[in-house]
Each structure stands twice: as structure tokens, then as C-alpha cells.
C-alpha atoms as a PDB file:
ATOM      1  CA  MET A   1      -0.048   0.018   0.003  1.00  0.00           C
ATOM      2  CA  ALA A   2       2.817   2.414   0.756  1.00  0.00           C
ATOM      3  CA  LEU A   3       4.344   1.738  -2.630  1.00  0.00           C
ATOM      4  CA  ALA A   4       1.064   2.608  -4.455  1.00  0.00           C
ATOM      5  CA  SER A   5       0.787   5.730  -2.386  1.00  0.00           C
ATOM      6  CA  ASP A   6       4.350   6.781  -3.359  1.00  0.00           C
ATOM      7  CA  ILE A   7       3.687   6.216  -6.992  1.00  0.00           C
ATOM      8  CA  ARG A   8       0.559   8.293  -6.929  1.00  0.00           C
ATOM      9  CA  ASN A   9       2.468  11.132  -5.260  1.00  0.00           C
ATOM     10  CA  VAL A  10       5.164  10.997  -7.966  1.00  0.00           C
ATOM     11  CA  GLU A  11       2.510  11.148 -10.719  1.00  0.00           C
ATOM     12  CA  THR A  12       0.827  14.053  -8.982  1.00  0.00           C
ATOM     13  CA  GLY A  13       4.106  15.795  -8.561  1.00  0.00           C
ATOM     14  CA  LEU A  14       5.003  15.243 -12.211  1.00  0.00           C
ATOM     15  CA  ALA A  15       1.624  16.493 -13.391  1.00  0.00           C
ATOM     16  CA  HIS A  16       1.990  19.537 -11.131  1.00  0.00           C
ATOM     17  CA  ALA A  17       5.499  20.197 -12.496  1.00  0.00           C
ATOM     18  CA  VAL A  18       4.299  19.953 -16.090  1.00  0.00           C
ATOM     19  CA  ARG A  19       1.409  22.297 -15.263  1.00  0.00           C
ATOM     20  CA  ASN A  20       3.849  24.787 -13.732  1.00  0.00           C
ATOM     21  CA  VAL A  21       5.989  24.708 -16.866  1.00  0.00           C
ATOM     22  CA  ILE A  22       3.000  25.267 -19.080  1.00  0.00           C
ATOM     23  CA  ASP A  23       1.804  28.175 -16.906  1.00  0.00           C
ATOM     24  CA  THR A  24       5.267  29.655 -16.917  1.00  0.00           C
ATOM     25  CA  VAL A  25       5.428  29.518 -20.719  1.00  0.00           C
ATOM     26  CA  ARG A  26       1.957  31.086 -21.017  1.00  0.00           C
ATOM     27  CA  VAL A  27       2.921  33.964 -18.716  1.00  0.00           C
ATOM     28  CA  ALA A  28       6.178  34.480 -20.562  1.00  0.00           C
ATOM     29  CA  ARG A  29       4.398  34.621 -23.947  1.00  0.00           C
ATOM     30  CA  ALA A  30       1.774  37.033 -22.638  1.00  0.00           C
ATOM     31  CA  ARG A  31       4.529  39.280 -21.203  1.00  0.00           C
ATOM     32  CA  ARG A  32       6.441  39.175 -24.471  1.00  0.00           C
ATOM     33  CA  ALA A  33       3.344  39.985 -26.408  1.00  0.00           C
ATOM     34  CA  ALA A  34       2.601  43.009 -24.100  1.00  0.00           C
ATOM     35  CA  PHE A  35       6.189  44.197 -24.483  1.00  0.00           C
ATOM     36  CA  ASN A  36       6.137  43.869 -28.279  1.00  0.00           C
ATOM     37  CA  THR A  37       2.724  45.583 -28.621  1.00  0.00           C
ATOM     38  CA  THR A  38       3.713  48.508 -26.342  1.00  0.00           C
ATOM     39  CA  PHE A  39       7.095  48.887 -27.981  1.00  0.00           C
ATOM     40  CA  ARG A  40       5.679  48.786 -31.519  1.00  0.00           C
ATOM     41  CA  GLU A  41       2.890  51.278 -30.768  1.00  0.00           C
ATOM     42  CA  LEU A  42       5.063  53.746 -29.017  1.00  0.00           C
ATOM     43  CA  SER A  43       7.788  53.478 -31.634  1.00  0.00           C
ATOM     44  CA  ALA A  44       5.281  54.263 -34.307  1.00  0.00           C
ATOM     45  CA  LEU A  45       4.486  57.684 -32.733  1.00  0.00           C
ATOM     46  CA  THR A  46       6.196  60.833 -33.849  1.00  0.00           C
ATOM     47  CA  ASP A  47       8.518  62.684 -31.498  1.00  0.00           C
ATOM     48  CA  ARG A  48       5.830  65.338 -31.204  1.00  0.00           C
ATOM     49  CA  ASP A  49       3.192  62.805 -30.138  1.00  0.00           C
ATOM     50  CA  LEU A  50       5.606  61.259 -27.645  1.00  0.00           C
ATOM     51  CA  ALA A  51       6.366  64.732 -26.258  1.00  0.00           C
ATOM     52  CA  ASP A  52       2.655  65.350 -25.818  1.00  0.00           C
ATOM     53  CA  LEU A  53       2.526  62.185 -23.703  1.00  0.00           C
ATOM     54  CA  GLY A  54       5.621  63.248 -21.746  1.00  0.00           C
ATOM     55  CA  ILE A  55       7.719  60.416 -23.115  1.00  0.00           C
ATOM     56  CA  HIS A  56      11.187  60.665 -24.545  1.00  0.00           C
ATOM     57  CA  ARG A  57      11.997  58.180 -27.377  1.00  0.00           C
ATOM     58  CA  GLY A  58      14.811  56.711 -25.222  1.00  0.00           C
ATOM     59  CA  GLU A  59      12.236  55.687 -22.609  1.00  0.00           C
ATOM     60  CA  ILE A  60      10.168  53.398 -24.894  1.00  0.00           C
ATOM     61  CA  THR A  61      12.041  50.190 -24.014  1.00  0.00           C
ATOM     62  CA  ARG A  62      11.705  50.911 -20.264  1.00  0.00           C
ATOM     63  CA  ILE A  63       8.010  51.663 -20.526  1.00  0.00           C
ATOM     64  CA  ALA A  64       7.443  48.571 -22.570  1.00  0.00           C
ATOM     65  CA  ARG A  65       9.292  46.439 -20.006  1.00  0.00           C
ATOM     66  CA  GLU A  66       7.188  47.963 -17.168  1.00  0.00           C
ATOM     67  CA  GLU A  67       3.981  47.197 -19.111  1.00  0.00           C
ATOM     68  CA  ALA A  68       5.107  43.599 -19.689  1.00  0.00           C
ATOM     69  CA  ALA A  69       5.810  43.190 -15.952  1.00  0.00           C
ATOM     70  CA  LEU A  70       2.161  44.045 -15.147  1.00  0.00           C
ATOM     71  CA  VAL A  71       0.872  41.058 -17.181  1.00  0.00           C
END
């Protein structure tokens, strides 16, 4: 009986580990998508549009990283 119990725990642990990997990949993909979208949209703005928003062109990468961290 103890052997069967141990095997079940290993399977549960393995399933949990696989689920964690899948969740980690999903979060990473969502963060990357948020970064890419933010970076692309801000980069497409003119310097004047960015100035109206109070953003310097050199800040785009930082802002996109911050946005991605919120996902």
C-alpha cells in the first residue's frame, strides 16, 4: 500500500511540475506580447506625439518592460 501511495504522489508531482512549466510559458508569452505591442505602438508615434505624452524616445524600452511586468 505504501508503494502505491508513493507512486501516486510521484504522478501528482509530475503533473504539477508539467502544469507549472505550461503556466510559466503562457505567462512569458503574454509578457512578451505585451512588451512587443507596447514597444511597436510607442515606436510608431512621432517625436511630437511622444512629447505630448511626456515620453522621450529613449524611454520606450523601459516603458514597454514595465507594461510587460504588469501582465
